[in-house]
Structure formats: structure tokens, C-alpha cells
Amino acid sequence: PLDEDAVRVIFAEQMEKAPAKMDESAIRALVASEVATVIPRTVRVEIVNGDKVTKTENQHYLFPLVVKLLSANANVMLCGPAGTGKTTLVENVATVLQKPFDFNSFGDGTTKGDLIGYRDAMGEYRDTQLVRMVKEGGIYLADELDRANGASLTVLHSILANGIISTPGGTLHNPDGFSFV
């Protein structure tokens, strides 16, 4: 369902920009086409795992493809505007695959410690979402990765290219069940 307030805002903006010859129905068609570009298409999916069939409604149209890729422990890159369902898609795939899921939102201030953990004042190692997903074989989402700084990308390169990550708690090897999105 469309958010009626959002439609009203788009409609008002289009009315202001519209040439005098555009009538209301032409503007409504324009609004519908604009809204269609930001709202992801949805599909109904059935996932068969042995005797178990899981049916899901209103999934992102890329859901079947991402399920296949992440069930094969492939790494996936999703690109698109904010609010189109990328994070929800990955979380739903993790739920269906019964895999642990966690994420970080990246930005200029994201540190190496945010990814590999640190030792606290008592010398205890504190792990992170990434480290837990590597250990548990889960799905890790690097949200807003295009905003990451070089130090963060270097850490991620190690696990993606070499299957190994060095943390203050020890070196971890990429388990079979780990996927990076």
C-alpha cells in the first residue's frame, strides 16, 4: 500500500512543476510512475527444504535470487536508493535460511575496532557483530558501505579476499556458513 501522505507531497510538487496544459489525470499518472520507481516490487515465494515448505508473501522481488546466493554462502552487493528494502530483504533471507544475522552501518567514524573488536580496560576481549557472524557462520550486512573509510575497507578486504580476520581475540578463518552483504 502507498503512503498517502507521500503521494500527496509528490502530487503537490508535480502540480507546481506541471505545464499549464497537463491535466490532473496526466499528473496522477506521472506521480504513479515516480512512486513505482521507489517502491520495490514484491513476490510470493515458496522455499522447499526437504519436507518443509516455507511460504512468504510480499517479499522483495530479488528475494529468490538472494536466497540462492546466500544459501551457497556467496557474498552479495545490493545497491539502490534508501527505503527500497535492501536491509529488510537480507534480514528476511536470514530468517528463512535460519542463519544468524547482524549488521553495521558504516560512516566516516567507523573504526577498525568497530569491526574486529577491542580489549577493554580489564584486558577482556570484546567482539563485534562482524566477528560473531564469522564465528557463527551468519549473514553480515555492511550497511552504507559506500560511506566507509579506508581502514574499515582494509579489514573487510582481509575477510573477503583471504577468508581470514585478525582480531585482538585471535585469528579467525572464514567458516563455511559466513556470507557478506
N, C-alpha and C. Protein backbone atom coordinates (compact mmCIF):
# COMPACT_ATOMS: atom_id res chain seq x y z
N PRO A 1 0.83 -1.19 0.00
CA PRO A 1 0.00 0.00 0.00
C PRO A 1 0.87 1.25 0.00
N LEU A 2 0.41 2.27 -0.72
CA LEU A 2 1.14 3.51 -0.80
C LEU A 2 0.88 4.38 0.42
N ASP A 3 1.88 5.08 0.84
CA ASP A 3 1.75 6.05 1.91
C ASP A 3 1.06 7.27 1.31
N GLU A 4 -0.17 7.51 1.71
CA GLU A 4 -0.97 8.58 1.12
C GLU A 4 -0.33 9.95 1.31
N ASP A 5 0.32 10.18 2.45
CA ASP A 5 0.98 11.47 2.66
C ASP A 5 2.10 11.68 1.65
N ALA A 6 2.87 10.62 1.39
CA ALA A 6 3.95 10.72 0.41
C ALA A 6 3.40 11.00 -0.98
N VAL A 7 2.30 10.34 -1.33
CA VAL A 7 1.68 10.56 -2.63
C VAL A 7 1.20 12.01 -2.74
N ARG A 8 0.60 12.54 -1.66
CA ARG A 8 0.13 13.93 -1.68
C ARG A 8 1.29 14.91 -1.88
N VAL A 9 2.42 14.63 -1.23
CA VAL A 9 3.59 15.51 -1.37
C VAL A 9 4.10 15.48 -2.81
N ILE A 10 4.24 14.27 -3.35
CA ILE A 10 4.71 14.15 -4.74
C ILE A 10 3.72 14.83 -5.69
N PHE A 11 2.43 14.61 -5.43
CA PHE A 11 1.40 15.21 -6.29
C PHE A 11 1.49 16.74 -6.24
N ALA A 12 1.64 17.30 -5.03
CA ALA A 12 1.73 18.76 -4.88
C ALA A 12 2.97 19.30 -5.61
N GLU A 13 4.10 18.58 -5.50
CA GLU A 13 5.32 19.02 -6.18
C GLU A 13 5.12 19.00 -7.70
N GLN A 14 4.47 17.95 -8.20
CA GLN A 14 4.25 17.85 -9.64
C GLN A 14 3.28 18.91 -10.14
N MET A 15 2.28 19.24 -9.33
CA MET A 15 1.32 20.28 -9.72
C MET A 15 2.03 21.62 -9.89
N GLU A 16 3.01 21.89 -9.00
CA GLU A 16 3.74 23.15 -9.08
C GLU A 16 4.62 23.20 -10.33
N LYS A 17 5.20 22.05 -10.71
CA LYS A 17 6.10 21.99 -11.86
C LYS A 17 5.36 21.83 -13.19
N ALA A 18 4.12 21.40 -13.13
CA ALA A 18 3.40 21.00 -14.34
C ALA A 18 3.14 22.16 -15.28
N PRO A 19 3.35 21.91 -16.56
CA PRO A 19 2.95 22.92 -17.54
C PRO A 19 1.43 23.09 -17.49
N ALA A 20 0.95 24.23 -17.86
CA ALA A 20 -0.48 24.53 -17.78
C ALA A 20 -1.33 23.52 -18.54
N LYS A 21 -0.78 22.92 -19.61
CA LYS A 21 -1.58 22.00 -20.43
C LYS A 21 -1.77 20.62 -19.80
N MET A 22 -1.02 20.30 -18.72
CA MET A 22 -1.19 18.98 -18.08
C MET A 22 -2.42 18.99 -17.20
N ASP A 23 -3.29 18.04 -17.42
CA ASP A 23 -4.47 17.97 -16.55
C ASP A 23 -4.17 17.07 -15.35
N GLU A 24 -5.11 16.99 -14.46
CA GLU A 24 -4.90 16.25 -13.21
C GLU A 24 -4.63 14.77 -13.47
N SER A 25 -5.30 14.15 -14.43
CA SER A 25 -5.08 12.72 -14.69
C SER A 25 -3.66 12.46 -15.21
N ALA A 26 -3.13 13.38 -16.02
CA ALA A 26 -1.76 13.22 -16.51
C ALA A 26 -0.77 13.33 -15.35
N ILE A 27 -1.04 14.24 -14.44
CA ILE A 27 -0.16 14.40 -13.29
C ILE A 27 -0.25 13.17 -12.38
N ARG A 28 -1.47 12.66 -12.19
CA ARG A 28 -1.62 11.44 -11.37
C ARG A 28 -0.84 10.27 -11.97
N ALA A 29 -0.84 10.14 -13.30
CA ALA A 29 -0.08 9.08 -13.96
C ALA A 29 1.42 9.28 -13.74
N LEU A 30 1.86 10.52 -13.80
CA LEU A 30 3.27 10.83 -13.55
C LEU A 30 3.65 10.49 -12.11
N VAL A 31 2.79 10.82 -11.17
CA VAL A 31 3.04 10.51 -9.76
C VAL A 31 3.12 9.00 -9.58
N ALA A 32 2.20 8.27 -10.19
CA ALA A 32 2.21 6.80 -10.06
C ALA A 32 3.50 6.21 -10.60
N SER A 33 4.00 6.75 -11.72
CA SER A 33 5.24 6.21 -12.29
C SER A 33 6.43 6.55 -11.39
N GLU A 34 6.44 7.75 -10.76
CA GLU A 34 7.52 8.10 -9.85
C GLU A 34 7.50 7.23 -8.61
N VAL A 35 6.32 7.02 -8.05
CA VAL A 35 6.19 6.19 -6.86
C VAL A 35 6.62 4.76 -7.16
N ALA A 36 6.29 4.26 -8.35
CA ALA A 36 6.66 2.89 -8.73
C ALA A 36 8.17 2.70 -8.78
N THR A 37 8.93 3.78 -9.03
CA THR A 37 10.38 3.63 -9.10
C THR A 37 11.03 3.55 -7.73
N VAL A 38 10.35 3.98 -6.68
CA VAL A 38 10.95 3.93 -5.34
C VAL A 38 10.36 2.84 -4.46
N ILE A 39 9.26 2.25 -4.86
CA ILE A 39 8.67 1.17 -4.09
C ILE A 39 9.03 -0.15 -4.76
N PRO A 40 9.74 -1.04 -4.04
CA PRO A 40 10.15 -2.28 -4.68
C PRO A 40 8.96 -3.17 -5.03
N ARG A 41 9.11 -3.91 -6.11
CA ARG A 41 8.10 -4.90 -6.46
C ARG A 41 8.19 -6.05 -5.47
N THR A 42 7.08 -6.70 -5.22
CA THR A 42 7.10 -7.82 -4.27
C THR A 42 6.63 -9.10 -4.95
N VAL A 43 7.05 -10.21 -4.37
CA VAL A 43 6.70 -11.52 -4.90
C VAL A 43 6.30 -12.44 -3.77
N ARG A 44 5.62 -13.52 -4.13
CA ARG A 44 5.28 -14.59 -3.20
C ARG A 44 6.29 -15.70 -3.45
N VAL A 45 6.85 -16.24 -2.38
CA VAL A 45 7.93 -17.22 -2.52
C VAL A 45 7.62 -18.46 -1.69
N GLU A 46 7.91 -19.62 -2.27
CA GLU A 46 7.85 -20.88 -1.53
C GLU A 46 9.25 -21.47 -1.53
N ILE A 47 9.76 -21.77 -0.34
CA ILE A 47 11.08 -22.36 -0.22
C ILE A 47 10.91 -23.78 0.30
N VAL A 48 11.43 -24.73 -0.47
CA VAL A 48 11.32 -26.14 -0.12
C VAL A 48 12.66 -26.61 0.39
N ASN A 49 12.66 -27.13 1.62
CA ASN A 49 13.87 -27.66 2.24
C ASN A 49 13.50 -29.03 2.79
N GLY A 50 13.80 -30.05 2.00
CA GLY A 50 13.39 -31.40 2.40
C GLY A 50 11.87 -31.49 2.36
N ASP A 51 11.25 -31.88 3.50
CA ASP A 51 9.79 -31.97 3.59
C ASP A 51 9.15 -30.65 4.00
N LYS A 52 9.97 -29.71 4.41
CA LYS A 52 9.45 -28.44 4.92
C LYS A 52 9.29 -27.42 3.80
N VAL A 53 8.10 -26.81 3.72
CA VAL A 53 7.82 -25.77 2.74
C VAL A 53 7.51 -24.48 3.50
N THR A 54 8.30 -23.45 3.24
CA THR A 54 8.08 -22.15 3.87
C THR A 54 7.52 -21.21 2.82
N LYS A 55 6.34 -20.65 3.09
CA LYS A 55 5.71 -19.71 2.15
C LYS A 55 5.83 -18.31 2.74
N THR A 56 6.26 -17.37 1.91
CA THR A 56 6.36 -15.99 2.35
C THR A 56 5.68 -15.10 1.32
N GLU A 57 4.96 -14.11 1.83
CA GLU A 57 4.25 -13.16 0.97
C GLU A 57 5.00 -11.82 0.97
N ASN A 58 4.74 -11.04 -0.03
CA ASN A 58 5.24 -9.66 -0.11
C ASN A 58 6.74 -9.53 0.11
N GLN A 59 7.49 -10.41 -0.50
CA GLN A 59 8.95 -10.31 -0.41
C GLN A 59 9.48 -9.46 -1.55
N HIS A 60 10.62 -8.87 -1.32
CA HIS A 60 11.31 -8.09 -2.35
C HIS A 60 11.50 -8.97 -3.58
N TYR A 61 11.39 -8.39 -4.75
CA TYR A 61 11.46 -9.19 -5.98
C TYR A 61 12.80 -9.90 -6.15
N LEU A 62 13.86 -9.42 -5.48
CA LEU A 62 15.16 -10.10 -5.55
C LEU A 62 15.30 -11.22 -4.51
N PHE A 63 14.29 -11.41 -3.69
CA PHE A 63 14.34 -12.40 -2.61
C PHE A 63 14.76 -13.79 -3.09
N PRO A 64 14.14 -14.36 -4.13
CA PRO A 64 14.55 -15.71 -4.56
C PRO A 64 16.02 -15.80 -4.95
N LEU A 65 16.52 -14.80 -5.65
CA LEU A 65 17.92 -14.80 -6.07
C LEU A 65 18.85 -14.69 -4.87
N VAL A 66 18.54 -13.79 -3.94
CA VAL A 66 19.40 -13.61 -2.77
C VAL A 66 19.37 -14.84 -1.87
N VAL A 67 18.23 -15.51 -1.77
CA VAL A 67 18.16 -16.77 -1.02
C VAL A 67 19.13 -17.78 -1.62
N LYS A 68 19.11 -17.93 -2.93
CA LYS A 68 20.01 -18.88 -3.59
C LYS A 68 21.47 -18.54 -3.35
N LEU A 69 21.81 -17.26 -3.50
CA LEU A 69 23.20 -16.84 -3.33
C LEU A 69 23.68 -17.02 -1.90
N LEU A 70 22.89 -16.57 -0.93
CA LEU A 70 23.32 -16.66 0.46
C LEU A 70 23.24 -18.09 1.00
N SER A 71 22.38 -18.92 0.45
CA SER A 71 22.37 -20.32 0.88
C SER A 71 23.61 -21.04 0.38
N ALA A 72 24.25 -20.50 -0.67
CA ALA A 72 25.50 -21.04 -1.19
C ALA A 72 26.71 -20.32 -0.58
N ASN A 73 26.46 -19.49 0.46
CA ASN A 73 27.50 -18.72 1.16
C ASN A 73 28.24 -17.75 0.23
N ALA A 74 27.56 -17.29 -0.80
CA ALA A 74 28.15 -16.29 -1.68
C ALA A 74 28.06 -14.92 -1.01
N ASN A 75 28.90 -14.00 -1.44
CA ASN A 75 28.82 -12.63 -0.99
C ASN A 75 28.01 -11.85 -2.02
N VAL A 76 27.23 -10.88 -1.55
CA VAL A 76 26.28 -10.17 -2.40
C VAL A 76 26.43 -8.67 -2.18
N MET A 77 26.33 -7.89 -3.26
CA MET A 77 26.29 -6.44 -3.12
C MET A 77 24.94 -5.96 -3.63
N LEU A 78 24.24 -5.22 -2.79
CA LEU A 78 22.95 -4.63 -3.15
C LEU A 78 23.10 -3.12 -3.24
N CYS A 79 22.62 -2.55 -4.31
CA CYS A 79 22.70 -1.10 -4.49
C CYS A 79 21.30 -0.58 -4.77
N GLY A 80 21.01 0.60 -4.27
CA GLY A 80 19.72 1.22 -4.54
C GLY A 80 19.45 2.34 -3.57
N PRO A 81 18.44 3.12 -3.86
CA PRO A 81 18.11 4.25 -3.00
C PRO A 81 17.63 3.81 -1.62
N ALA A 82 17.71 4.72 -0.68
CA ALA A 82 17.23 4.45 0.68
C ALA A 82 15.74 4.11 0.64
N GLY A 83 15.36 3.18 1.50
CA GLY A 83 13.95 2.86 1.65
C GLY A 83 13.40 1.87 0.64
N THR A 84 14.26 1.22 -0.14
CA THR A 84 13.75 0.28 -1.14
C THR A 84 13.76 -1.17 -0.66
N GLY A 85 14.15 -1.40 0.59
CA GLY A 85 14.01 -2.72 1.18
C GLY A 85 15.25 -3.59 1.20
N LYS A 86 16.42 -3.03 0.99
CA LYS A 86 17.64 -3.84 0.94
C LYS A 86 17.93 -4.52 2.28
N THR A 87 17.91 -3.76 3.36
CA THR A 87 18.19 -4.32 4.68
C THR A 87 17.13 -5.33 5.09
N THR A 88 15.86 -4.99 4.87
CA THR A 88 14.76 -5.90 5.19
C THR A 88 14.87 -7.18 4.38
N LEU A 89 15.25 -7.06 3.12
CA LEU A 89 15.45 -8.23 2.26
C LEU A 89 16.46 -9.19 2.88
N VAL A 90 17.61 -8.67 3.27
CA VAL A 90 18.66 -9.53 3.82
C VAL A 90 18.23 -10.14 5.14
N GLU A 91 17.58 -9.37 5.98
CA GLU A 91 17.10 -9.89 7.26
C GLU A 91 16.07 -11.00 7.04
N ASN A 92 15.17 -10.81 6.08
CA ASN A 92 14.18 -11.85 5.77
C ASN A 92 14.82 -13.11 5.21
N VAL A 93 15.84 -12.95 4.38
CA VAL A 93 16.56 -14.11 3.84
C VAL A 93 17.22 -14.88 4.99
N ALA A 94 17.85 -14.17 5.91
CA ALA A 94 18.50 -14.83 7.06
C ALA A 94 17.47 -15.61 7.88
N THR A 95 16.31 -15.04 8.06
CA THR A 95 15.24 -15.72 8.81
C THR A 95 14.83 -17.01 8.12
N VAL A 96 14.59 -16.93 6.81
CA VAL A 96 14.17 -18.11 6.05
C VAL A 96 15.26 -19.18 6.04
N LEU A 97 16.52 -18.74 5.93
CA LEU A 97 17.63 -19.71 5.93
C LEU A 97 18.02 -20.16 7.33
N GLN A 98 17.37 -19.58 8.33
CA GLN A 98 17.65 -19.90 9.74
C GLN A 98 19.12 -19.70 10.07
N LYS A 99 19.65 -18.55 9.62
CA LYS A 99 21.03 -18.18 9.89
C LYS A 99 21.05 -16.94 10.77
N PRO A 100 22.06 -16.83 11.63
CA PRO A 100 22.19 -15.59 12.40
C PRO A 100 22.39 -14.41 11.46
N PHE A 101 21.91 -13.25 11.87
CA PHE A 101 22.02 -12.04 11.06
C PHE A 101 22.44 -10.87 11.95
N ASP A 102 23.36 -10.06 11.46
CA ASP A 102 23.73 -8.83 12.15
C ASP A 102 24.30 -7.86 11.14
N PHE A 103 24.45 -6.60 11.54
CA PHE A 103 24.92 -5.58 10.60
C PHE A 103 25.60 -4.44 11.32
N ASN A 104 26.32 -3.66 10.55
CA ASN A 104 26.86 -2.37 10.97
C ASN A 104 26.48 -1.36 9.91
N SER A 105 26.20 -0.14 10.35
CA SER A 105 26.04 0.97 9.41
C SER A 105 27.37 1.71 9.38
N PHE A 106 27.91 1.87 8.20
CA PHE A 106 29.23 2.47 8.04
C PHE A 106 29.14 3.97 7.84
N GLY A 107 30.22 4.65 8.22
CA GLY A 107 30.34 6.09 8.04
C GLY A 107 31.79 6.48 8.24
N ASP A 108 32.06 7.76 8.17
CA ASP A 108 33.42 8.26 8.33
C ASP A 108 34.02 7.86 9.68
N GLY A 109 33.18 7.77 10.71
CA GLY A 109 33.68 7.47 12.05
C GLY A 109 33.79 5.99 12.38
N THR A 110 33.45 5.12 11.46
CA THR A 110 33.56 3.68 11.72
C THR A 110 35.04 3.32 11.86
N THR A 111 35.38 2.65 12.97
CA THR A 111 36.78 2.33 13.24
C THR A 111 37.05 0.85 13.01
N LYS A 112 38.32 0.54 12.96
CA LYS A 112 38.76 -0.85 12.87
C LYS A 112 38.23 -1.64 14.07
N GLY A 113 38.25 -0.99 15.25
CA GLY A 113 37.74 -1.63 16.46
C GLY A 113 36.25 -1.95 16.39
N ASP A 114 35.50 -1.13 15.65
CA ASP A 114 34.07 -1.41 15.46
C ASP A 114 33.86 -2.72 14.71
N LEU A 115 34.87 -3.14 13.96
CA LEU A 115 34.75 -4.34 13.13
C LEU A 115 35.42 -5.57 13.74
N ILE A 116 36.61 -5.41 14.31
CA ILE A 116 37.34 -6.58 14.81
C ILE A 116 37.32 -6.70 16.33
N GLY A 117 36.79 -5.70 17.02
CA GLY A 117 36.71 -5.75 18.47
C GLY A 117 37.90 -5.08 19.13
N TYR A 118 37.94 -5.16 20.45
CA TYR A 118 39.00 -4.50 21.21
C TYR A 118 39.13 -5.16 22.58
N ARG A 119 40.21 -4.84 23.27
CA ARG A 119 40.38 -5.28 24.65
C ARG A 119 39.99 -4.11 25.55
N ASP A 120 39.14 -4.38 26.54
CA ASP A 120 38.71 -3.32 27.44
C ASP A 120 39.79 -3.05 28.50
N ALA A 121 39.51 -2.16 29.43
CA ALA A 121 40.47 -1.76 30.46
C ALA A 121 40.91 -2.93 31.35
N MET A 122 40.11 -3.96 31.42
CA MET A 122 40.44 -5.14 32.22
C MET A 122 41.15 -6.21 31.38
N GLY A 123 41.38 -5.92 30.12
CA GLY A 123 42.07 -6.87 29.25
C GLY A 123 41.15 -7.88 28.60
N GLU A 124 39.85 -7.76 28.83
CA GLU A 124 38.87 -8.69 28.24
C GLU A 124 38.59 -8.30 26.79
N TYR A 125 38.59 -9.30 25.92
CA TYR A 125 38.29 -9.06 24.51
C TYR A 125 36.79 -8.86 24.34
N ARG A 126 36.42 -7.82 23.63
CA ARG A 126 35.03 -7.52 23.30
C ARG A 126 34.87 -7.67 21.80
N ASP A 127 34.07 -8.66 21.40
CA ASP A 127 33.91 -8.89 19.97
C ASP A 127 32.85 -7.97 19.37
N THR A 128 32.56 -8.15 18.11
CA THR A 128 31.65 -7.28 17.37
C THR A 128 30.67 -8.11 16.55
N GLN A 129 29.76 -7.41 15.89
CA GLN A 129 28.80 -8.09 15.03
C GLN A 129 29.51 -8.90 13.94
N LEU A 130 30.50 -8.30 13.29
CA LEU A 130 31.24 -8.99 12.22
C LEU A 130 31.92 -10.24 12.76
N VAL A 131 32.61 -10.12 13.88
CA VAL A 131 33.33 -11.26 14.45
C VAL A 131 32.35 -12.38 14.82
N ARG A 132 31.22 -12.01 15.41
CA ARG A 132 30.22 -13.04 15.77
C ARG A 132 29.69 -13.76 14.54
N MET A 133 29.44 -13.03 13.46
CA MET A 133 28.92 -13.67 12.25
C MET A 133 29.97 -14.57 11.61
N VAL A 134 31.24 -14.18 11.66
CA VAL A 134 32.31 -15.05 11.15
C VAL A 134 32.37 -16.32 12.00
N LYS A 135 32.31 -16.18 13.32
CA LYS A 135 32.37 -17.34 14.22
C LYS A 135 31.17 -18.27 14.05
N GLU A 136 29.97 -17.67 13.96
CA GLU A 136 28.74 -18.45 13.94
C GLU A 136 28.33 -18.91 12.54
N GLY A 137 28.98 -18.36 11.53
CA GLY A 137 28.56 -18.69 10.17
C GLY A 137 27.27 -18.00 9.78
N GLY A 138 27.13 -16.74 10.15
CA GLY A 138 25.91 -16.00 9.86
C GLY A 138 26.04 -15.07 8.67
N ILE A 139 25.02 -14.25 8.49
CA ILE A 139 24.96 -13.28 7.41
C ILE A 139 25.23 -11.90 8.00
N TYR A 140 26.26 -11.26 7.48
CA TYR A 140 26.66 -9.94 7.96
C TYR A 140 26.38 -8.91 6.88
N LEU A 141 25.66 -7.85 7.25
CA LEU A 141 25.31 -6.79 6.32
C LEU A 141 26.13 -5.54 6.63
N ALA A 142 26.91 -5.09 5.67
CA ALA A 142 27.68 -3.85 5.79
C ALA A 142 26.83 -2.75 5.16
N ASP A 143 25.95 -2.17 5.99
CA ASP A 143 25.02 -1.15 5.50
C ASP A 143 25.75 0.16 5.25
N GLU A 144 25.39 0.84 4.18
CA GLU A 144 26.01 2.12 3.80
C GLU A 144 27.52 1.96 3.58
N LEU A 145 27.93 0.84 3.00
CA LEU A 145 29.35 0.55 2.79
C LEU A 145 30.05 1.63 1.97
N ASP A 146 29.32 2.27 1.09
CA ASP A 146 29.94 3.33 0.28
C ASP A 146 30.39 4.52 1.13
N ARG A 147 29.98 4.57 2.39
CA ARG A 147 30.38 5.65 3.29
C ARG A 147 31.57 5.25 4.17
N ALA A 148 32.07 4.03 4.00
CA ALA A 148 33.16 3.53 4.85
C ALA A 148 34.48 4.22 4.55
N ASN A 149 35.33 4.29 5.58
CA ASN A 149 36.67 4.85 5.39
C ASN A 149 37.64 3.73 4.99
N GLY A 150 38.83 4.11 4.61
CA GLY A 150 39.82 3.15 4.12
C GLY A 150 40.20 2.09 5.13
N ALA A 151 40.33 2.45 6.41
CA ALA A 151 40.71 1.48 7.44
C ALA A 151 39.65 0.38 7.56
N SER A 152 38.39 0.77 7.49
CA SER A 152 37.31 -0.22 7.56
C SER A 152 37.34 -1.14 6.35
N LEU A 153 37.56 -0.57 5.19
CA LEU A 153 37.59 -1.38 3.97
C LEU A 153 38.75 -2.37 3.97
N THR A 154 39.87 -1.98 4.56
CA THR A 154 41.03 -2.89 4.64
C THR A 154 40.69 -4.12 5.48
N VAL A 155 40.00 -3.91 6.59
CA VAL A 155 39.58 -5.03 7.45
C VAL A 155 38.65 -5.95 6.67
N LEU A 156 37.69 -5.37 5.98
CA LEU A 156 36.73 -6.18 5.23
C LEU A 156 37.41 -6.91 4.07
N HIS A 157 38.39 -6.27 3.45
CA HIS A 157 39.12 -6.92 2.36
C HIS A 157 39.77 -8.21 2.84
N SER A 158 40.33 -8.19 4.02
CA SER A 158 41.01 -9.37 4.56
C SER A 158 40.08 -10.57 4.64
N ILE A 159 38.88 -10.36 5.17
CA ILE A 159 37.95 -11.48 5.32
C ILE A 159 37.37 -11.90 3.97
N LEU A 160 37.13 -10.93 3.08
CA LEU A 160 36.51 -11.27 1.79
C LEU A 160 37.50 -11.89 0.81
N ALA A 161 38.71 -11.36 0.76
CA ALA A 161 39.68 -11.84 -0.22
C ALA A 161 40.45 -13.06 0.28
N ASN A 162 40.74 -13.09 1.59
CA ASN A 162 41.60 -14.15 2.11
C ASN A 162 40.90 -15.13 3.03
N GLY A 163 39.66 -14.81 3.42
CA GLY A 163 38.93 -15.71 4.31
C GLY A 163 39.51 -15.76 5.72
N ILE A 164 40.18 -14.70 6.13
CA ILE A 164 40.83 -14.68 7.43
C ILE A 164 40.69 -13.27 8.02
N ILE A 165 40.51 -13.21 9.33
CA ILE A 165 40.41 -11.92 10.00
C ILE A 165 41.19 -12.00 11.31
N SER A 166 42.05 -11.03 11.52
CA SER A 166 42.87 -10.97 12.72
C SER A 166 42.20 -10.03 13.71
N THR A 167 41.90 -10.52 14.90
CA THR A 167 41.25 -9.73 15.93
C THR A 167 42.11 -9.72 17.19
N PRO A 168 41.86 -8.81 18.12
CA PRO A 168 42.58 -8.85 19.39
C PRO A 168 42.31 -10.15 20.17
N GLY A 169 41.27 -10.87 19.81
CA GLY A 169 40.95 -12.14 20.45
C GLY A 169 41.53 -13.34 19.73
N GLY A 170 42.23 -13.11 18.63
CA GLY A 170 42.83 -14.20 17.86
C GLY A 170 42.43 -14.14 16.40
N THR A 171 43.04 -14.99 15.62
CA THR A 171 42.78 -15.04 14.19
C THR A 171 41.62 -15.99 13.92
N LEU A 172 40.71 -15.55 13.06
CA LEU A 172 39.56 -16.37 12.70
C LEU A 172 39.62 -16.68 11.21
N HIS A 173 39.27 -17.89 10.88
CA HIS A 173 39.17 -18.29 9.49
C HIS A 173 37.71 -18.30 9.10
N ASN A 174 37.45 -17.90 7.89
CA ASN A 174 36.09 -17.79 7.39
C ASN A 174 35.41 -19.17 7.39
N PRO A 175 34.39 -19.32 8.22
CA PRO A 175 33.69 -20.62 8.22
C PRO A 175 32.82 -20.76 6.97
N ASP A 176 32.42 -21.96 6.70
CA ASP A 176 31.60 -22.24 5.52
C ASP A 176 30.30 -21.44 5.50
N GLY A 177 29.73 -21.15 6.65
CA GLY A 177 28.40 -20.53 6.69
C GLY A 177 28.39 -19.03 6.66
N PHE A 178 29.53 -18.35 6.56
CA PHE A 178 29.57 -16.89 6.60
C PHE A 178 29.28 -16.28 5.22
N SER A 179 28.40 -15.30 5.21
CA SER A 179 28.11 -14.55 3.99
C SER A 179 28.17 -13.06 4.31
N PHE A 180 28.68 -12.30 3.36
CA PHE A 180 28.83 -10.85 3.50
C PHE A 180 27.92 -10.17 2.48
N VAL A 181 27.14 -9.22 2.96
CA VAL A 181 26.26 -8.45 2.06
C VAL A 181 26.58 -6.99 2.26
